[in-house]
Amino acid sequence: MAQCSGLFHGVGTMMSDPARAEKLDRAGMIWRGAAIKQAEAEGRTDAASWVAVHQRESFDDWRGRGKMAAFSQDFRDWASYCRKLGKAKGIKTDFGS
């Protein structure tokens, strides 16, 4: 879940369309909240910090790939995974989950 948050936040920062960037940012925030709840349920003592580390790793990875990352097969695969996970976990975003 933290990886999905980092994915959407990272790619969102590279969007030239402000509406698309906002949509991705909103999805990233939703995923971050879900990741924190999941980490708490798993008994993590500092869930927010734990999620922040993993979210940041994903964010940095996607930012490092450059603007064309949003058009890659890897991005499509990860976005599909996040949509399916979101659907299974009841996480609602503007991206079909």
C-alpha atoms as a PDB file:
ATOM      1  CA  MET A   1       0.000   0.000   0.000  1.00  0.00           C
ATOM      2  CA  ALA A   2       2.857   2.362   0.786  1.00  0.00           C
ATOM      3  CA  GLN A   3       4.345   1.508  -2.604  1.00  0.00           C
ATOM      4  CA  CYS A   4       1.071   2.479  -4.290  1.00  0.00           C
ATOM      5  CA  SER A   5       1.118   5.780  -2.436  1.00  0.00           C
ATOM      6  CA  GLY A   6       4.675   6.462  -3.561  1.00  0.00           C
ATOM      7  CA  LEU A   7       3.817   5.473  -7.116  1.00  0.00           C
ATOM      8  CA  PHE A   8       0.916   7.912  -7.412  1.00  0.00           C
ATOM      9  CA  HIS A   9       2.702  10.731  -5.588  1.00  0.00           C
ATOM     10  CA  GLY A  10       5.885  10.277  -7.599  1.00  0.00           C
ATOM     11  CA  VAL A  11       4.238  10.180 -10.994  1.00  0.00           C
ATOM     12  CA  GLY A  12       1.855  12.979  -9.996  1.00  0.00           C
ATOM     13  CA  THR A  13       4.749  15.384  -9.466  1.00  0.00           C
ATOM     14  CA  MET A  14       5.720  14.953 -13.108  1.00  0.00           C
ATOM     15  CA  MET A  15       2.317  15.758 -14.625  1.00  0.00           C
ATOM     16  CA  SER A  16       1.973  18.953 -16.634  1.00  0.00           C
ATOM     17  CA  ASP A  17      -1.826  18.850 -16.322  1.00  0.00           C
ATOM     18  CA  PRO A  18      -2.733  20.241 -12.872  1.00  0.00           C
ATOM     19  CA  ALA A  19      -6.020  18.298 -12.741  1.00  0.00           C
ATOM     20  CA  ARG A  20      -4.228  15.016 -13.438  1.00  0.00           C
ATOM     21  CA  ALA A  21      -1.506  15.866 -10.907  1.00  0.00           C
ATOM     22  CA  GLU A  22      -4.153  16.613  -8.270  1.00  0.00           C
ATOM     23  CA  LYS A  23      -5.953  13.351  -8.999  1.00  0.00           C
ATOM     24  CA  LEU A  24      -2.724  11.386  -8.589  1.00  0.00           C
ATOM     25  CA  ASP A  25      -1.821  13.283  -5.417  1.00  0.00           C
ATOM     26  CA  ARG A  26      -5.253  12.568  -3.951  1.00  0.00           C
ATOM     27  CA  ALA A  27      -4.855   8.866  -4.754  1.00  0.00           C
ATOM     28  CA  GLY A  28      -1.435   8.903  -3.097  1.00  0.00           C
ATOM     29  CA  MET A  29      -2.906  10.393   0.079  1.00  0.00           C
ATOM     30  CA  ILE A  30      -5.695   7.807   0.151  1.00  0.00           C
ATOM     31  CA  TRP A  31      -3.162   5.006  -0.240  1.00  0.00           C
ATOM     32  CA  ARG A  32      -0.935   6.493   2.475  1.00  0.00           C
ATOM     33  CA  GLY A  33      -3.854   6.544   4.907  1.00  0.00           C
ATOM     34  CA  ALA A  34      -4.744   2.948   4.056  1.00  0.00           C
ATOM     35  CA  ALA A  35      -1.125   1.877   4.460  1.00  0.00           C
ATOM     36  CA  ILE A  36      -0.930   3.449   7.918  1.00  0.00           C
ATOM     37  CA  LYS A  37      -4.123   1.699   9.010  1.00  0.00           C
ATOM     38  CA  GLN A  38      -2.767  -1.606   7.705  1.00  0.00           C
ATOM     39  CA  ALA A  39       0.573  -1.125   9.457  1.00  0.00           C
ATOM     40  CA  GLU A  40      -1.237  -0.339  12.710  1.00  0.00           C
ATOM     41  CA  ALA A  41      -3.358  -3.468  12.308  1.00  0.00           C
ATOM     42  CA  GLU A  42      -0.142  -5.451  11.841  1.00  0.00           C
ATOM     43  CA  GLY A  43       1.121  -4.089  15.170  1.00  0.00           C
ATOM     44  CA  ARG A  44       3.768  -1.656  13.905  1.00  0.00           C
ATOM     45  CA  THR A  45       4.643   0.623  16.818  1.00  0.00           C
ATOM     46  CA  ASP A  46       5.276   3.686  14.653  1.00  0.00           C
ATOM     47  CA  ALA A  47       3.097   2.925  11.664  1.00  0.00           C
ATOM     48  CA  ALA A  48       3.263   6.394  10.096  1.00  0.00           C
ATOM     49  CA  SER A  49       7.061   6.429  10.107  1.00  0.00           C
ATOM     50  CA  TRP A  50       7.247   2.878   8.784  1.00  0.00           C
ATOM     51  CA  VAL A  51       4.902   3.766   5.923  1.00  0.00           C
ATOM     52  CA  ALA A  52       6.796   7.004   5.229  1.00  0.00           C
ATOM     53  CA  VAL A  53      10.039   5.088   4.671  1.00  0.00           C
ATOM     54  CA  HIS A  54       8.477   2.682   2.174  1.00  0.00           C
ATOM     55  CA  GLN A  55       6.408   5.376   0.506  1.00  0.00           C
ATOM     56  CA  ARG A  56       9.537   7.504   0.052  1.00  0.00           C
ATOM     57  CA  GLU A  57      11.470   4.608  -1.485  1.00  0.00           C
ATOM     58  CA  SER A  58       8.704   4.108  -4.041  1.00  0.00           C
ATOM     59  CA  PHE A  59       8.373   7.874  -4.636  1.00  0.00           C
ATOM     60  CA  ASP A  60      12.112   8.251  -5.236  1.00  0.00           C
ATOM     61  CA  ASP A  61      12.131   5.234  -7.541  1.00  0.00           C
ATOM     62  CA  TRP A  62       9.345   6.585  -9.738  1.00  0.00           C
ATOM     63  CA  ARG A  63      10.686  10.147  -9.738  1.00  0.00           C
ATOM     64  CA  GLY A  64      14.067   8.784 -10.748  1.00  0.00           C
ATOM     65  CA  ARG A  65      12.584   7.121 -13.805  1.00  0.00           C
ATOM     66  CA  GLY A  66      11.633  10.458 -15.344  1.00  0.00           C
ATOM     67  CA  LYS A  67       8.517  11.819 -16.974  1.00  0.00           C
ATOM     68  CA  MET A  68       8.120   8.970 -19.424  1.00  0.00           C
ATOM     69  CA  ALA A  69       7.627   6.522 -16.529  1.00  0.00           C
ATOM     70  CA  ALA A  70       3.880   7.181 -16.626  1.00  0.00           C
ATOM     71  CA  PHE A  71       3.793   5.642 -20.105  1.00  0.00           C
ATOM     72  CA  SER A  72       5.806   2.530 -19.260  1.00  0.00           C
ATOM     73  CA  GLN A  73       4.543  -1.012 -19.013  1.00  0.00           C
ATOM     74  CA  ASP A  74       5.921  -1.158 -15.481  1.00  0.00           C
ATOM     75  CA  PHE A  75       3.738   1.792 -14.472  1.00  0.00           C
ATOM     76  CA  ARG A  76       0.689   0.201 -16.080  1.00  0.00           C
ATOM     77  CA  ASP A  77       1.420  -3.059 -14.258  1.00  0.00           C
ATOM     78  CA  TRP A  78       1.842  -1.321 -10.900  1.00  0.00           C
ATOM     79  CA  ALA A  79      -1.260   0.829 -11.431  1.00  0.00           C
ATOM     80  CA  SER A  80      -3.233  -2.312 -12.277  1.00  0.00           C
ATOM     81  CA  TYR A  81      -1.902  -4.040  -9.159  1.00  0.00           C
ATOM     82  CA  CYS A  82      -2.871  -1.034  -7.013  1.00  0.00           C
ATOM     83  CA  ARG A  83      -6.368  -0.926  -8.533  1.00  0.00           C
ATOM     84  CA  LYS A  84      -6.882  -4.640  -7.837  1.00  0.00           C
ATOM     85  CA  LEU A  85      -5.511  -4.353  -4.310  1.00  0.00           C
ATOM     86  CA  GLY A  86      -7.675  -1.298  -3.712  1.00  0.00           C
ATOM     87  CA  LYS A  87     -10.748  -3.139  -4.902  1.00  0.00           C
ATOM     88  CA  ALA A  88      -9.960  -6.116  -2.652  1.00  0.00           C
ATOM     89  CA  LYS A  89      -9.319  -3.867   0.368  1.00  0.00           C
ATOM     90  CA  GLY A  90     -12.166  -1.392  -0.242  1.00  0.00           C
ATOM     91  CA  ILE A  91      -9.830   1.525  -1.001  1.00  0.00           C
ATOM     92  CA  LYS A  92     -11.623   4.034  -3.202  1.00  0.00           C
ATOM     93  CA  THR A  93      -9.675   6.377  -5.503  1.00  0.00           C
ATOM     94  CA  ASP A  94     -10.417   8.129  -8.784  1.00  0.00           C
ATOM     95  CA  PHE A  95      -8.583   5.337 -10.595  1.00  0.00           C
ATOM     96  CA  GLY A  96     -11.228   2.623 -10.591  1.00  0.00           C
ATOM     97  CA  SER A  97     -10.661   1.105  -7.186  1.00  0.00           C
END
